[in-house]
Amino acid sequence: MARILFISTEGYVAGAEKSLLLLLEELVERHDLHVACPGDGPLAERLRCFVSTWHRLRNGGRSHRYSPQWVVYWLTVSFQIALIALRTRPDMIHANNLHAAFASVPASVLSRTKLIWHVRDVAGPRAAYRLVGYFSSHAVAVSRWVRDYIVNNGTSADKVTVAYNGVAVTNRRPRATVHGQISRRSYGSKGAFVFGNVGQFVPWKNQMLFLAAAEKVAHVLPKTRFVLVGDDISGRQESYKRQLQSFVSQRRMSGRVAFRGWHRRESDVYADIDCLVHVAEEEPFGRVIIEAMAAGVPVIAVGRGGPAEIIEQGRTGILVPPNDVDALRAAMEALARNRNLADRLAAAAYGRVFERFSAEETSLQVEKIYIAVLAPRKT
């Protein structure tokens, strides 16, 4: 049993935090887990349910990263993490993303504790990637694309292992089936085919491409409906959220496009859409894709980054070129016109997701990394 200090500098629950929670749930019976995170958000609330030892970090609030206010915040949180590490004496520190790892470097150095960097994103200064890669004992990349990115930015390749995110196998049920096909309830008017985009409202998620394609699809298929499930949960992207809302209003699409806000339970999201459309061009992994697959929902995604490693083109989903609104429109129209095709893709994806992307398998891969990192070096 190892004593592991997990660090999350975010207090909300988005994709990276969902993956962290699933990992912790798998590890909690086998290791002595300590978690440090902001104490006034949804993440801390959910951690209290199964992790007995957690430590409160200062919340970064709405300050933009790398602003003067953020630098003060980073110094404060780094000092907090160092104190926690010196007090708890963990065998290793496991940082949940780049910013958590950046804030954990001083603690790792001062306490002489090995640092595991879970690489879940590719956004940030290259100097930060080089520094964290240098001080980390090992890096866990959520896709081969992420591995290549950090290696190209200075992290030694032999320090990096790919471990895909996973979904929980227990308590999962596909949609009810009729004649062997997956049936679905629709959001909106009866008989409408509903496309959904799920994710934080941040520019790199590229929801504007989804809306641009939606406008074209609605022109030829007036019964289609579109749902944006998400929000500016970090409080740092208010202008982008207004931009999305303005696009819908100005194009007179309010009757066909719904904003549903951020949902905590996945079942509340995927029960009411017929197809997930994921259009981020530099997606490190794409947790919503495997969530949709596990819920029996077909997926259209940009064929770059993590989604290209999750989806088998034409069998478990449809991949389209980056920033190609016409290719996206054509894929959306194809599924809306052919529900049998949508059902075949959904069924194949459901059969595949638990074989390759289970939370249990992710935890086993991470534990192998722990064992290798903690093993005595041969002299």
Protein backbone atom coordinates (compact mmCIF):
# COMPACT_ATOMS: atom_id res chain seq x y z
CA MET A 1 0.00 0.00 0.00
CA ALA A 2 1.38 3.38 -1.02
CA ARG A 3 0.58 6.77 0.46
CA ILE A 4 -0.34 9.01 -2.46
CA LEU A 5 -1.07 12.72 -2.38
CA PHE A 6 -3.32 13.73 -5.28
CA ILE A 7 -3.38 17.39 -6.31
CA SER A 8 -6.15 19.18 -8.18
CA THR A 9 -6.04 22.96 -8.44
CA GLU A 10 -9.55 23.05 -9.92
CA GLY A 11 -12.60 22.80 -7.69
CA TYR A 12 -15.23 22.17 -10.37
CA VAL A 13 -15.94 18.81 -11.99
CA ALA A 14 -15.20 18.70 -15.72
CA GLY A 15 -13.63 15.90 -17.76
CA ALA A 16 -10.25 15.83 -16.00
CA GLU A 17 -11.90 15.86 -12.58
CA LYS A 18 -14.36 13.10 -13.55
CA SER A 19 -11.39 10.97 -14.59
CA LEU A 20 -9.66 11.73 -11.29
CA LEU A 21 -12.75 10.73 -9.30
CA LEU A 22 -13.01 7.41 -11.14
CA LEU A 23 -9.33 6.72 -10.58
CA LEU A 24 -9.63 7.47 -6.87
CA GLU A 25 -12.68 5.23 -6.54
CA GLU A 26 -10.67 2.35 -8.03
CA LEU A 27 -7.60 2.98 -5.84
CA VAL A 28 -9.20 3.88 -2.51
CA GLU A 29 -9.34 0.30 -1.18
CA ARG A 30 -5.74 -0.47 -2.10
CA HIS A 31 -3.82 2.67 -1.14
CA ASP A 32 -3.67 5.41 1.49
CA LEU A 33 -5.08 8.33 -0.47
CA HIS A 34 -4.76 12.01 0.39
CA VAL A 35 -6.32 14.63 -1.88
CA ALA A 36 -5.67 18.37 -1.94
CA CYS A 37 -8.11 20.58 -3.85
CA PRO A 38 -10.13 23.78 -3.41
CA GLY A 39 -12.58 23.14 -0.59
CA ASP A 40 -15.57 25.12 -1.79
CA GLY A 41 -16.56 23.41 -5.01
CA PRO A 42 -18.27 20.30 -6.45
CA LEU A 43 -15.04 18.28 -6.51
CA ALA A 44 -14.53 18.54 -2.74
CA GLU A 45 -18.20 17.71 -2.21
CA ARG A 46 -17.88 14.47 -4.16
CA LEU A 47 -14.52 13.57 -2.62
CA ARG A 48 -16.02 13.67 0.87
CA CYS A 49 -18.17 10.67 -0.07
CA PHE A 50 -15.28 8.22 -0.28
CA VAL A 51 -11.91 9.82 0.54
CA SER A 52 -11.33 10.23 4.25
CA THR A 53 -8.29 12.51 4.05
CA TRP A 54 -8.42 15.64 1.94
CA HIS A 55 -6.73 19.01 2.30
CA ARG A 56 -8.12 22.41 1.39
CA LEU A 57 -6.32 24.52 -1.20
CA ARG A 58 -7.00 28.13 -2.03
CA ASN A 59 -9.43 28.61 -4.90
CA GLY A 60 -8.02 30.41 -7.93
CA GLY A 61 -11.33 32.14 -8.58
CA ARG A 62 -11.80 33.77 -11.96
CA SER A 63 -8.29 35.10 -12.42
CA HIS A 64 -6.92 34.25 -15.86
CA ARG A 65 -3.94 31.96 -15.89
CA TYR A 66 -0.51 33.60 -16.02
CA SER A 67 -1.96 37.00 -15.07
CA PRO A 68 -0.34 38.80 -12.11
CA GLN A 69 -3.23 37.67 -9.90
CA TRP A 70 -2.70 34.09 -11.01
CA VAL A 71 1.02 34.27 -10.19
CA VAL A 72 0.15 35.29 -6.62
CA TYR A 73 -2.36 32.45 -6.46
CA TRP A 74 0.20 29.96 -7.81
CA LEU A 75 2.79 30.99 -5.21
CA THR A 76 0.22 30.63 -2.42
CA VAL A 77 -0.99 27.20 -3.60
CA SER A 78 2.57 25.96 -4.16
CA PHE A 79 3.38 26.89 -0.56
CA GLN A 80 0.23 25.11 0.65
CA ILE A 81 1.07 21.93 -1.28
CA ALA A 82 4.63 21.97 0.05
CA LEU A 83 3.36 22.21 3.64
CA ILE A 84 0.90 19.36 3.05
CA ALA A 85 3.62 17.16 1.53
CA LEU A 86 6.04 17.86 4.39
CA ARG A 87 3.31 17.06 6.92
CA THR A 88 1.86 13.90 5.33
CA ARG A 89 5.11 12.46 3.88
CA PRO A 90 3.54 10.72 0.88
CA ASP A 91 5.40 8.15 -1.20
CA MET A 92 4.50 10.18 -4.26
CA ILE A 93 2.57 13.23 -5.42
CA HIS A 94 0.12 12.66 -8.27
CA ALA A 95 -0.80 15.95 -10.00
CA ASN A 96 -4.00 15.86 -12.06
CA ASN A 97 -2.98 18.26 -14.86
CA LEU A 98 -0.24 20.65 -15.96
CA HIS A 99 -1.18 23.45 -13.58
CA ALA A 100 -1.43 21.11 -10.60
CA ALA A 101 1.95 19.63 -11.53
CA PHE A 102 3.50 23.09 -11.96
CA ALA A 103 2.29 24.03 -8.47
CA SER A 104 3.56 20.69 -7.08
CA VAL A 105 7.16 20.98 -8.30
CA PRO A 106 8.36 22.96 -5.22
CA ALA A 107 6.70 20.41 -2.91
CA SER A 108 8.32 17.54 -4.78
CA VAL A 109 11.76 19.13 -4.54
CA LEU A 110 11.51 20.25 -0.90
CA SER A 111 10.07 16.98 0.40
CA ARG A 112 12.12 14.81 -1.96
CA THR A 113 8.95 13.12 -3.11
CA LYS A 114 8.47 11.59 -6.54
CA LEU A 115 6.08 13.53 -8.77
CA ILE A 116 3.63 11.82 -11.13
CA TRP A 117 2.24 14.19 -13.75
CA HIS A 118 -1.10 13.17 -15.28
CA VAL A 119 -1.03 14.92 -18.65
CA ARG A 120 -4.64 15.65 -19.54
CA ASP A 121 -4.23 18.84 -21.59
CA VAL A 122 -2.04 20.50 -24.20
CA ALA A 123 -2.70 24.13 -23.31
CA GLY A 124 -0.06 26.23 -21.61
CA PRO A 125 3.39 27.72 -22.15
CA ARG A 126 5.93 25.31 -23.58
CA ALA A 127 8.37 26.35 -20.89
CA ALA A 128 5.93 24.99 -18.29
CA TYR A 129 5.81 21.64 -20.09
CA ARG A 130 9.61 21.46 -20.19
CA LEU A 131 9.96 22.36 -16.52
CA VAL A 132 7.31 19.93 -15.29
CA GLY A 133 8.63 17.19 -17.57
CA TYR A 134 12.11 17.66 -16.14
CA PHE A 135 11.05 17.46 -12.48
CA SER A 136 8.48 14.67 -12.91
CA SER A 137 9.46 11.10 -12.12
CA HIS A 138 6.90 9.92 -14.66
CA ALA A 139 4.14 11.30 -16.87
CA VAL A 140 0.81 9.59 -17.57
CA ALA A 141 -0.46 10.71 -20.98
CA VAL A 142 -4.16 10.25 -21.75
CA SER A 143 -3.46 9.53 -25.44
CA ARG A 144 -0.60 8.86 -27.84
CA TRP A 145 -1.18 12.32 -29.28
CA VAL A 146 -0.58 13.88 -25.84
CA ARG A 147 2.51 11.71 -25.35
CA ASP A 148 3.97 12.94 -28.64
CA TYR A 149 3.14 16.53 -27.72
CA ILE A 150 5.00 16.53 -24.41
CA VAL A 151 7.93 14.55 -25.82
CA ASN A 152 8.25 17.14 -28.59
CA ASN A 153 8.23 19.80 -25.87
CA GLY A 154 11.12 18.37 -23.90
CA THR A 155 9.90 15.48 -21.76
CA SER A 156 12.03 12.34 -22.06
CA ALA A 157 10.12 9.65 -23.95
CA ASP A 158 11.11 6.94 -21.46
CA LYS A 159 9.34 8.93 -18.73
CA VAL A 160 5.96 8.78 -20.46
CA THR A 161 3.30 6.05 -20.45
CA VAL A 162 -0.07 6.24 -22.21
CA ALA A 163 -3.08 5.30 -20.06
CA TYR A 164 -6.46 6.07 -21.62
CA ASN A 165 -9.26 7.42 -19.44
CA GLY A 166 -12.07 4.99 -18.70
CA VAL A 167 -15.72 4.71 -17.80
CA ALA A 168 -17.15 2.80 -14.85
CA VAL A 169 -18.44 -0.61 -15.89
CA THR A 170 -20.77 -1.06 -12.90
CA ASN A 171 -24.21 0.54 -12.96
CA ARG A 172 -23.98 1.07 -16.71
CA ARG A 173 -26.92 0.17 -18.90
CA PRO A 174 -27.42 0.75 -22.61
CA ARG A 175 -30.60 2.32 -23.83
CA ALA A 176 -33.55 -0.01 -24.17
CA THR A 177 -33.39 -1.91 -27.44
CA VAL A 178 -36.14 -2.60 -29.95
CA HIS A 179 -35.58 -5.36 -32.50
CA GLY A 180 -31.88 -5.36 -31.65
CA GLN A 181 -31.45 -1.65 -32.24
CA ILE A 182 -30.82 1.01 -29.62
CA SER A 183 -33.85 3.22 -29.15
CA ARG A 184 -33.67 6.74 -27.75
CA ARG A 185 -35.81 9.49 -26.32
CA SER A 186 -35.49 12.84 -28.02
CA TYR A 187 -35.21 16.32 -26.59
CA GLY A 188 -37.56 18.74 -28.31
CA SER A 189 -40.47 18.08 -30.63
CA LYS A 190 -41.74 14.56 -31.26
CA GLY A 191 -39.80 12.74 -33.95
CA ALA A 192 -36.94 15.25 -34.00
CA PHE A 193 -33.40 13.97 -34.39
CA VAL A 194 -31.37 15.70 -31.69
CA PHE A 195 -27.65 16.50 -31.98
CA GLY A 196 -25.83 17.39 -28.79
CA ASN A 197 -22.51 19.03 -28.02
CA VAL A 198 -21.22 18.45 -24.49
CA GLY A 199 -18.36 20.33 -22.86
CA GLN A 200 -17.08 23.42 -21.13
CA PHE A 201 -17.66 26.68 -22.92
CA VAL A 202 -14.08 27.43 -23.87
CA PRO A 203 -12.90 28.50 -27.36
CA TRP A 204 -10.77 25.42 -28.01
CA LYS A 205 -13.85 23.20 -27.67
CA ASN A 206 -15.01 24.96 -30.86
CA GLN A 207 -18.76 25.02 -30.24
CA MET A 208 -19.02 27.69 -32.93
CA LEU A 209 -18.29 25.02 -35.56
CA PHE A 210 -21.12 22.91 -34.17
CA LEU A 211 -23.51 25.86 -34.43
CA ALA A 212 -22.37 26.70 -37.96
CA ALA A 213 -23.03 23.12 -39.08
CA ALA A 214 -26.33 23.09 -37.17
CA GLU A 215 -27.53 26.10 -39.15
CA LYS A 216 -26.84 24.29 -42.43
CA VAL A 217 -28.43 21.02 -41.30
CA ALA A 218 -31.55 22.76 -40.02
CA HIS A 219 -32.00 24.40 -43.42
CA VAL A 220 -32.47 21.04 -45.19
CA LEU A 221 -33.79 18.98 -42.26
CA PRO A 222 -36.18 21.28 -40.39
CA LYS A 223 -37.13 18.64 -37.80
CA THR A 224 -33.59 18.40 -36.40
CA ARG A 225 -32.83 19.97 -33.02
CA PHE A 226 -29.55 20.92 -31.37
CA VAL A 227 -28.48 21.05 -27.73
CA LEU A 228 -25.44 22.68 -26.13
CA VAL A 229 -24.80 20.97 -22.80
CA GLY A 230 -22.21 22.94 -20.85
CA ASP A 231 -21.33 26.26 -19.35
CA ASP A 232 -18.49 28.59 -18.41
CA ILE A 233 -17.84 26.55 -15.27
CA SER A 234 -14.43 28.11 -14.61
CA GLY A 235 -15.89 31.63 -14.69
CA ARG A 236 -13.15 32.75 -17.09
CA GLN A 237 -14.98 32.56 -20.45
CA GLU A 238 -18.00 34.82 -20.09
CA SER A 239 -17.35 36.59 -23.40
CA TYR A 240 -17.17 33.28 -25.29
CA LYS A 241 -20.45 32.13 -23.75
CA ARG A 242 -22.09 35.39 -24.85
CA GLN A 243 -20.67 34.85 -28.34
CA LEU A 244 -22.37 31.45 -28.58
CA GLN A 245 -25.66 32.85 -27.36
CA SER A 246 -25.44 35.81 -29.75
CA PHE A 247 -24.83 33.51 -32.72
CA VAL A 248 -28.01 31.56 -31.96
CA SER A 249 -30.03 34.73 -31.45
CA GLN A 250 -28.74 36.56 -34.52
CA ARG A 251 -29.32 33.56 -36.81
CA ARG A 252 -32.83 33.15 -35.42
CA MET A 253 -32.10 29.60 -34.25
CA SER A 254 -33.46 29.95 -30.73
CA GLY A 255 -36.36 27.58 -31.49
CA ARG A 256 -33.98 24.85 -32.63
CA VAL A 257 -30.95 25.30 -30.37
CA ALA A 258 -31.22 24.81 -26.61
CA PHE A 259 -28.68 25.67 -23.92
CA ARG A 260 -29.07 23.10 -21.16
CA GLY A 261 -26.37 24.14 -18.71
CA TRP A 262 -23.85 21.92 -16.96
CA HIS A 263 -25.16 18.52 -15.84
CA ARG A 264 -23.59 16.50 -13.06
CA ARG A 265 -25.08 13.14 -14.07
CA GLU A 266 -24.20 11.71 -17.48
CA SER A 267 -27.52 9.88 -17.67
CA ASP A 268 -29.28 13.26 -17.68
CA VAL A 269 -27.28 14.28 -20.74
CA TYR A 270 -27.24 11.30 -23.07
CA ALA A 271 -30.80 10.09 -22.50
CA ASP A 272 -32.18 12.95 -24.57
CA ILE A 273 -29.81 13.22 -27.53
CA ASP A 274 -29.56 11.07 -30.65
CA CYS A 275 -25.96 11.88 -31.56
CA LEU A 276 -22.99 13.48 -29.83
CA VAL A 277 -21.06 15.94 -32.00
CA HIS A 278 -17.59 16.67 -30.60
CA VAL A 279 -15.73 19.29 -32.61
CA ALA A 280 -12.64 20.26 -30.58
CA GLU A 281 -9.64 20.22 -32.91
CA GLU A 282 -6.97 19.70 -30.28
CA GLU A 283 -8.76 17.38 -27.87
CA PRO A 284 -6.25 15.54 -25.67
CA PHE A 285 -8.67 12.65 -25.11
CA GLY A 286 -12.41 13.33 -25.17
CA ARG A 287 -14.12 11.87 -22.10
CA VAL A 288 -17.58 12.79 -23.39
CA ILE A 289 -16.98 10.49 -26.37
CA ILE A 290 -16.54 7.36 -24.26
CA GLU A 291 -19.43 8.46 -22.03
CA ALA A 292 -21.69 8.71 -25.08
CA MET A 293 -20.47 5.34 -26.38
CA ALA A 294 -21.23 3.77 -22.99
CA ALA A 295 -24.73 5.27 -23.10
CA GLY A 296 -25.46 3.89 -26.57
CA VAL A 297 -25.23 7.23 -28.38
CA PRO A 298 -23.48 7.46 -31.78
CA VAL A 299 -20.63 9.97 -32.09
CA ILE A 300 -19.33 12.34 -34.74
CA ALA A 301 -15.94 13.84 -33.87
CA VAL A 302 -12.99 15.64 -35.39
CA GLY A 303 -10.42 13.07 -36.50
CA ARG A 304 -7.47 14.54 -34.65
CA GLY A 305 -5.98 14.09 -31.20
CA GLY A 306 -7.59 11.73 -28.73
CA PRO A 307 -10.87 11.16 -30.64
CA ALA A 308 -8.94 9.62 -33.54
CA GLU A 309 -7.60 7.01 -31.10
CA ILE A 310 -11.00 6.28 -29.58
CA ILE A 311 -13.19 6.00 -32.68
CA GLU A 312 -12.80 3.43 -35.43
CA GLN A 313 -13.91 5.30 -38.52
CA GLY A 314 -17.20 4.07 -39.91
CA ARG A 315 -17.56 1.30 -37.32
CA THR A 316 -17.82 2.88 -33.88
CA GLY A 317 -18.35 6.46 -35.00
CA ILE A 318 -17.67 9.03 -37.71
CA LEU A 319 -14.53 11.18 -37.92
CA VAL A 320 -14.45 14.41 -39.92
CA PRO A 321 -11.54 16.70 -40.88
CA PRO A 322 -10.69 19.62 -38.56
CA ASN A 323 -12.64 22.86 -39.04
CA ASP A 324 -14.54 21.51 -42.07
CA VAL A 325 -18.12 22.68 -41.64
CA ASP A 326 -19.32 21.01 -44.85
CA ALA A 327 -17.88 17.61 -43.89
CA LEU A 328 -19.47 17.96 -40.46
CA ARG A 329 -22.79 18.96 -41.99
CA ALA A 330 -22.70 15.94 -44.34
CA ALA A 331 -21.98 13.54 -41.47
CA MET A 332 -24.79 15.01 -39.38
CA GLU A 333 -27.25 14.79 -42.26
CA ALA A 334 -26.24 11.19 -42.95
CA LEU A 335 -27.11 10.10 -39.41
CA ALA A 336 -30.28 12.18 -39.20
CA ARG A 337 -31.54 10.64 -42.46
CA ASN A 338 -30.52 7.08 -41.58
CA ARG A 339 -31.43 5.98 -38.05
CA ASN A 340 -30.36 2.43 -38.86
CA LEU A 341 -26.83 3.71 -39.49
CA ALA A 342 -26.93 5.64 -36.22
CA ASP A 343 -28.05 2.50 -34.39
CA ARG A 344 -25.32 0.35 -35.93
CA LEU A 345 -22.61 2.81 -34.95
CA ALA A 346 -24.02 3.13 -31.42
CA ALA A 347 -24.25 -0.64 -30.92
CA ALA A 348 -20.69 -1.24 -32.14
CA ALA A 349 -19.37 1.60 -29.96
CA TYR A 350 -21.18 0.26 -26.89
CA GLY A 351 -19.70 -3.19 -27.46
CA ARG A 352 -16.22 -1.72 -27.75
CA VAL A 353 -16.00 0.94 -25.04
CA PHE A 354 -15.85 -1.32 -22.00
CA GLU A 355 -13.25 -3.57 -23.62
CA ARG A 356 -10.80 -0.75 -24.24
CA PHE A 357 -11.81 2.16 -22.01
CA SER A 358 -12.72 0.96 -18.53
CA ALA A 359 -11.85 2.80 -15.32
CA GLU A 360 -10.58 -0.46 -13.86
CA GLU A 361 -8.05 -0.91 -16.66
CA THR A 362 -6.92 2.71 -16.28
CA SER A 363 -6.26 2.20 -12.57
CA LEU A 364 -4.28 -0.99 -13.21
CA GLN A 365 -2.07 0.82 -15.72
CA VAL A 366 -1.52 3.70 -13.29
CA GLU A 367 -0.63 1.26 -10.50
CA LYS A 368 2.00 -0.33 -12.71
CA ILE A 369 3.55 3.11 -13.06
CA TYR A 370 3.51 3.56 -9.27
CA ILE A 371 5.28 0.23 -8.80
CA ALA A 372 7.95 1.11 -11.37
CA VAL A 373 8.52 4.59 -9.92
CA LEU A 374 8.79 3.35 -6.33
CA ALA A 375 10.96 0.34 -7.14
CA PRO A 376 14.54 0.65 -5.83
CA ARG A 377 17.01 1.57 -8.53
CA LYS A 378 19.48 -1.11 -9.48
CA THR A 379 23.08 -0.18 -8.82
